[in-house]
Amino acid sequence: MRKSFLFSISAFPALRLFGRQTCTALLIASALLLSVSTTVVAEQANKAGAQTGAQAIDYVQAVFSVQYGNKETAGENLLDIKSDGDSYEVNFDLDHWMLSSNQYARFEMQDCMVRPELYQDTSERPFKSKETQKLKFNWADHEAIFSNKDDQKKFNFKDDQLAYDPLSFFFEARCALIDGETEFTYPVIRKGDKKDQTYRVTGEELVQTPLGDFKALVVERVRDNPKRQTRLYVAPELDYLLVKIEHQENAMLRIVATLKEMDYKLKTADTQ
């Protein structure tokens, strides 16, 4: 077990503060979250997962500080990942005076292949009612159902297709990073829409945290709008866990989450 008030990894797919909600991932994951540029498409995950040298996560408990603009806020991001055999549960909480938010995901993972089961996003703002979105996967019928208070939408998949919620795909992405991939794409269902999300390794950077300095891979989301930027900083020496997330929504809105505290453990042969 590694411990040091410290931090870890993955699942932040949701930096959502003020006005516009910006769920950026994450989570990359506890696992999360890469030198030949190869795209890992979700339909190929079966092969990639079987070959990877990634060591699965047993549990993670992490705290991230949050900066809005150039100022640190009073809020914190809390990440909790726990496993029971091949079953995983992820909770990502944001506690801020302008927004209380929780993201929850439940999924199965074996040999770096993720099969999501349930995703729920609940948020509450001052003077506004609580909002909840759910995404339920039914792999027997090859479908996923998205619902909120106003709408319900069904997604159907072919036999050889996969889809992911905004948290779970980061666990496969971590395996891709460990295998040396520098670009990967996954189909993600978010807010009732299914779109491919592509991430690319753009370099390395030394990240300063309260736990120490870590050499990190810079993993950037590929977007059509160059003014919107999401960067994930993944530390190989911390078993490819996240140490920092940056999201630039526009010239006026920049959010940074940095590892503050963490306790985590990887699975061994006895706990696989």
Protein backbone atom coordinates (compact mmCIF):
# COMPACT_ATOMS: atom_id res chain seq x y z
CA MET A 1 0.00 0.00 0.00
CA ARG A 2 1.29 3.45 -0.89
CA LYS A 3 0.39 6.25 1.40
CA SER A 4 1.39 9.84 2.06
CA PHE A 5 -1.45 12.02 2.69
CA LEU A 6 -1.48 11.70 -0.93
CA PHE A 7 -3.11 11.33 -3.96
CA SER A 8 -3.78 9.44 -6.87
CA ILE A 9 -5.60 9.09 -9.86
CA SER A 10 -8.33 8.75 -11.92
CA ALA A 11 -11.59 9.62 -12.26
CA PHE A 12 -12.19 13.06 -12.67
CA PRO A 13 -14.34 13.53 -15.37
CA ALA A 14 -16.12 16.33 -14.05
CA LEU A 15 -14.82 19.70 -13.39
CA ARG A 16 -18.07 21.52 -13.22
CA LEU A 17 -18.06 24.90 -11.65
CA PHE A 18 -20.13 27.94 -12.20
CA GLY A 19 -22.32 28.65 -15.18
CA ARG A 20 -21.52 26.12 -17.84
CA GLN A 21 -21.02 22.54 -16.72
CA THR A 22 -17.78 21.15 -18.01
CA CYS A 23 -17.45 17.49 -17.35
CA THR A 24 -13.94 16.86 -18.53
CA ALA A 25 -12.58 13.85 -17.83
CA LEU A 26 -10.98 12.44 -16.16
CA LEU A 27 -10.58 9.52 -14.57
CA ILE A 28 -9.07 9.33 -16.47
CA ALA A 29 -8.94 7.10 -13.99
CA SER A 30 -7.67 5.18 -11.54
CA ALA A 31 -6.27 3.70 -13.65
CA LEU A 32 -6.06 5.96 -15.84
CA LEU A 33 -5.21 7.14 -17.35
CA LEU A 34 0.96 7.48 -23.42
CA SER A 35 5.89 6.27 -28.88
CA VAL A 36 4.29 5.30 -31.98
CA SER A 37 1.00 6.98 -32.44
CA THR A 38 -1.65 4.28 -32.40
CA THR A 39 -5.36 4.80 -31.87
CA VAL A 40 -7.01 2.37 -29.48
CA VAL A 41 -10.63 2.05 -30.56
CA ALA A 42 -13.08 0.57 -28.12
CA GLU A 43 -13.95 -2.33 -30.41
CA GLN A 44 -10.29 -3.41 -30.20
CA ALA A 45 -10.14 -3.31 -26.43
CA ASN A 46 -10.42 -7.09 -26.09
CA LYS A 47 -7.05 -7.64 -27.73
CA ALA A 48 -5.29 -4.71 -26.14
CA GLY A 49 -6.50 -5.61 -22.67
CA ALA A 50 -5.27 -9.17 -22.88
CA GLN A 51 -1.76 -8.02 -23.82
CA THR A 52 -1.31 -5.16 -21.40
CA GLY A 53 1.09 -5.19 -18.49
CA ALA A 54 -1.20 -2.95 -16.46
CA GLN A 55 -1.72 -3.83 -12.83
CA ALA A 56 -5.33 -3.40 -11.75
CA ILE A 57 -6.35 -1.01 -8.99
CA ASP A 58 -7.59 -2.37 -5.71
CA TYR A 59 -8.66 0.93 -4.15
CA VAL A 60 -7.98 4.66 -4.25
CA GLN A 61 -8.84 7.44 -1.84
CA ALA A 62 -7.69 10.85 -3.03
CA VAL A 63 -8.26 14.55 -2.45
CA PHE A 64 -7.68 17.25 -5.07
CA SER A 65 -7.49 20.98 -4.45
CA VAL A 66 -9.29 23.21 -6.95
CA GLN A 67 -8.20 26.51 -8.48
CA TYR A 68 -10.64 28.76 -10.28
CA GLY A 69 -8.74 31.27 -12.37
CA ASN A 70 -5.57 31.92 -10.35
CA LYS A 71 -7.23 31.51 -6.96
CA GLU A 72 -7.62 28.39 -4.87
CA THR A 73 -11.22 27.80 -3.87
CA ALA A 74 -12.51 26.50 -0.55
CA GLY A 75 -13.95 23.43 -2.22
CA GLU A 76 -12.33 20.01 -2.68
CA ASN A 77 -12.68 17.10 -5.08
CA LEU A 78 -12.86 13.70 -3.38
CA LEU A 79 -12.17 10.54 -5.36
CA ASP A 80 -13.02 7.10 -4.01
CA ILE A 81 -12.45 3.90 -6.02
CA LYS A 82 -13.06 0.45 -4.61
CA SER A 83 -13.17 -3.02 -6.08
CA ASP A 84 -14.61 -6.40 -5.25
CA GLY A 85 -13.08 -8.95 -7.59
CA ASP A 86 -13.81 -7.69 -11.12
CA SER A 87 -16.49 -5.26 -9.91
CA TYR A 88 -15.65 -1.57 -9.42
CA GLU A 89 -17.40 1.42 -7.92
CA VAL A 90 -16.20 5.00 -8.39
CA ASN A 91 -17.43 8.07 -6.50
CA PHE A 92 -16.24 11.54 -7.44
CA ASP A 93 -17.50 14.34 -5.18
CA LEU A 94 -17.16 18.08 -5.54
CA ASP A 95 -18.03 20.22 -2.54
CA HIS A 96 -18.07 23.94 -3.29
CA TRP A 97 -20.29 26.77 -2.12
CA MET A 98 -21.52 27.29 -5.68
CA LEU A 99 -21.95 23.64 -6.57
CA SER A 100 -22.38 20.29 -4.85
CA SER A 101 -21.83 17.41 -7.27
CA ASN A 102 -21.47 13.65 -7.20
CA GLN A 103 -20.59 11.29 -10.03
CA TYR A 104 -20.98 7.57 -9.47
CA ALA A 105 -20.07 4.70 -11.77
CA ARG A 106 -20.33 0.94 -11.41
CA PHE A 107 -18.69 -1.39 -13.92
CA GLU A 108 -16.96 -4.73 -14.46
CA MET A 109 -13.33 -4.89 -15.61
CA GLN A 110 -11.32 -7.96 -16.59
CA ASP A 111 -7.97 -7.96 -18.43
CA CYS A 112 -8.31 -4.21 -18.94
CA MET A 113 -11.66 -4.60 -20.67
CA VAL A 114 -14.39 -2.46 -19.10
CA ARG A 115 -18.09 -3.21 -19.24
CA PRO A 116 -20.07 -0.33 -17.68
CA GLU A 117 -23.26 -1.04 -15.76
CA LEU A 118 -24.49 2.20 -14.19
CA TYR A 119 -23.55 5.88 -14.18
CA GLN A 120 -25.26 8.62 -12.19
CA ASP A 121 -24.54 12.34 -12.05
CA THR A 122 -26.20 14.44 -9.35
CA SER A 123 -25.64 18.17 -8.93
CA GLU A 124 -27.15 20.92 -6.82
CA ARG A 125 -26.68 24.68 -7.05
CA PRO A 126 -27.86 27.48 -4.75
CA PHE A 127 -31.52 28.36 -5.29
CA LYS A 128 -31.95 25.58 -7.83
CA SER A 129 -33.42 22.12 -7.54
CA LYS A 130 -31.22 19.04 -7.54
CA GLU A 131 -30.54 17.58 -10.99
CA THR A 132 -29.88 13.88 -11.60
CA GLN A 133 -28.89 12.06 -14.79
CA LYS A 134 -28.68 8.28 -15.07
CA LEU A 135 -27.19 5.93 -17.63
CA LYS A 136 -28.01 2.22 -17.34
CA PHE A 137 -26.39 -0.44 -19.53
CA ASN A 138 -28.12 -3.70 -20.50
CA TRP A 139 -25.56 -5.83 -22.31
CA ALA A 140 -27.91 -8.78 -22.71
CA ASP A 141 -30.02 -6.60 -25.00
CA HIS A 142 -27.07 -4.51 -26.26
CA GLU A 143 -28.54 -1.22 -25.14
CA ALA A 144 -28.06 1.71 -22.78
CA ILE A 145 -30.80 3.99 -21.44
CA PHE A 146 -30.14 7.62 -20.51
CA SER A 147 -32.66 9.45 -18.34
CA ASN A 148 -33.15 12.71 -16.49
CA LYS A 149 -36.22 14.48 -15.15
CA ASP A 150 -37.27 15.66 -18.60
CA ASP A 151 -36.14 13.00 -21.03
CA GLN A 152 -35.31 9.35 -21.68
CA LYS A 153 -33.21 8.08 -24.58
CA LYS A 154 -32.18 4.60 -25.70
CA PHE A 155 -28.89 3.68 -27.40
CA ASN A 156 -28.59 0.38 -29.26
CA PHE A 157 -25.28 -1.35 -30.00
CA LYS A 158 -24.26 -4.00 -32.45
CA ASP A 159 -22.82 -7.25 -31.09
CA ASP A 160 -19.21 -6.12 -31.57
CA GLN A 161 -19.66 -2.58 -30.26
CA LEU A 162 -19.02 -1.06 -26.87
CA ALA A 163 -19.90 2.26 -25.28
CA TYR A 164 -18.79 3.92 -22.06
CA ASP A 165 -19.98 6.36 -19.44
CA PRO A 166 -17.91 9.49 -18.65
CA LEU A 167 -15.91 7.71 -15.92
CA SER A 168 -15.36 4.06 -16.74
CA PHE A 169 -13.50 4.42 -20.04
CA PHE A 170 -10.57 6.02 -18.23
CA PHE A 171 -9.72 2.66 -16.74
CA GLU A 172 -9.12 1.21 -20.19
CA ALA A 173 -7.23 4.37 -21.14
CA ARG A 174 -4.82 3.79 -18.26
CA CYS A 175 -3.99 0.39 -19.73
CA ALA A 176 -3.34 2.02 -23.11
CA LEU A 177 -0.95 4.50 -21.51
CA ILE A 178 0.93 1.76 -19.71
CA ASP A 179 1.26 -0.12 -23.01
CA GLY A 180 2.88 2.95 -24.56
CA GLU A 181 -0.02 4.14 -26.71
CA THR A 182 0.00 7.85 -27.47
CA GLU A 183 -3.52 8.29 -28.81
CA PHE A 184 -6.80 6.56 -28.05
CA THR A 185 -10.48 7.01 -28.83
CA TYR A 186 -13.59 5.78 -27.01
CA PRO A 187 -17.33 6.22 -27.68
CA VAL A 188 -18.77 7.93 -24.60
CA ILE A 189 -22.42 8.59 -23.71
CA ARG A 190 -22.73 11.89 -21.89
CA LYS A 191 -25.77 14.10 -21.32
CA GLY A 192 -27.85 12.00 -23.68
CA ASP A 193 -25.41 12.10 -26.60
CA LYS A 194 -22.97 9.44 -27.83
CA LYS A 195 -19.72 10.83 -29.23
CA ASP A 196 -16.17 9.64 -29.73
CA GLN A 197 -13.66 11.17 -27.32
CA THR A 198 -10.02 11.17 -28.44
CA TYR A 199 -7.01 11.84 -26.20
CA ARG A 200 -3.41 12.32 -27.29
CA VAL A 201 -0.10 12.38 -25.40
CA THR A 202 1.54 15.72 -26.20
CA GLY A 203 4.65 15.63 -23.99
CA GLU A 204 5.96 15.47 -20.45
CA GLU A 205 5.97 17.99 -17.62
CA LEU A 206 7.11 18.19 -14.01
CA VAL A 207 4.03 18.70 -11.83
CA GLN A 208 4.39 20.26 -8.38
CA THR A 209 1.98 18.98 -5.73
CA PRO A 210 1.81 19.08 -1.91
CA LEU A 211 3.00 15.45 -2.06
CA GLY A 212 6.10 16.26 -4.08
CA ASP A 213 7.13 16.80 -7.68
CA PHE A 214 6.14 14.17 -10.26
CA LYS A 215 7.22 13.75 -13.87
CA ALA A 216 3.94 13.37 -15.73
CA LEU A 217 2.70 12.54 -19.20
CA VAL A 218 0.54 15.34 -20.61
CA VAL A 219 -2.60 13.82 -22.13
CA GLU A 220 -4.77 16.30 -24.04
CA ARG A 221 -8.28 15.85 -25.32
CA VAL A 222 -8.56 16.45 -29.06
CA ARG A 223 -11.25 19.07 -29.73
CA ASP A 224 -12.58 20.93 -32.75
CA ASN A 225 -12.52 24.19 -30.81
CA PRO A 226 -8.88 25.11 -29.98
CA LYS A 227 -10.03 27.60 -27.34
CA ARG A 228 -11.41 24.77 -25.21
CA GLN A 229 -8.61 22.67 -23.75
CA THR A 230 -8.56 19.74 -21.33
CA ARG A 231 -5.23 18.33 -20.15
CA LEU A 232 -4.64 15.36 -17.87
CA TYR A 233 -1.30 14.90 -16.12
CA VAL A 234 -0.55 11.22 -15.46
CA ALA A 235 2.45 10.14 -13.35
CA PRO A 236 4.12 6.82 -14.33
CA GLU A 237 5.86 6.68 -10.93
CA LEU A 238 2.42 6.69 -9.30
CA ASP A 239 1.30 3.75 -11.44
CA TYR A 240 -0.15 6.01 -14.12
CA LEU A 241 -2.53 7.83 -11.83
CA LEU A 242 -3.60 11.44 -12.21
CA VAL A 243 -1.77 14.22 -10.43
CA LYS A 244 -3.39 17.20 -12.11
CA ILE A 245 -6.25 18.17 -14.43
CA GLU A 246 -6.54 21.46 -16.30
CA HIS A 247 -9.61 22.68 -18.15
CA GLN A 248 -9.76 25.92 -20.13
CA GLU A 249 -13.36 26.64 -21.10
CA ASN A 250 -12.64 30.09 -22.53
CA ALA A 251 -10.32 33.06 -21.98
CA MET A 252 -12.03 33.88 -18.69
CA LEU A 253 -12.66 30.43 -17.22
CA ARG A 254 -9.79 28.11 -16.26
CA ILE A 255 -10.04 25.35 -13.67
CA VAL A 256 -7.15 23.33 -12.23
CA ALA A 257 -7.43 20.32 -9.90
CA THR A 258 -4.18 19.21 -8.26
CA LEU A 259 -3.46 16.15 -6.16
CA LYS A 260 -3.41 17.00 -2.48
CA GLU A 261 -3.76 13.74 -0.55
CA MET A 262 -3.88 10.09 -1.49
CA ASP A 263 -3.93 6.48 -0.40
CA TYR A 264 -4.06 3.70 -3.00
CA LYS A 265 -3.25 0.06 -3.55
CA LEU A 266 -2.84 -2.10 -6.66
CA LYS A 267 -4.13 -5.62 -6.96
CA THR A 268 -1.69 -8.49 -6.50
CA ALA A 269 -1.95 -12.07 -7.72
CA ASP A 270 -3.75 -12.91 -4.48
CA THR A 271 -6.33 -10.13 -4.90
CA GLN A 272 -7.02 -10.34 -8.65
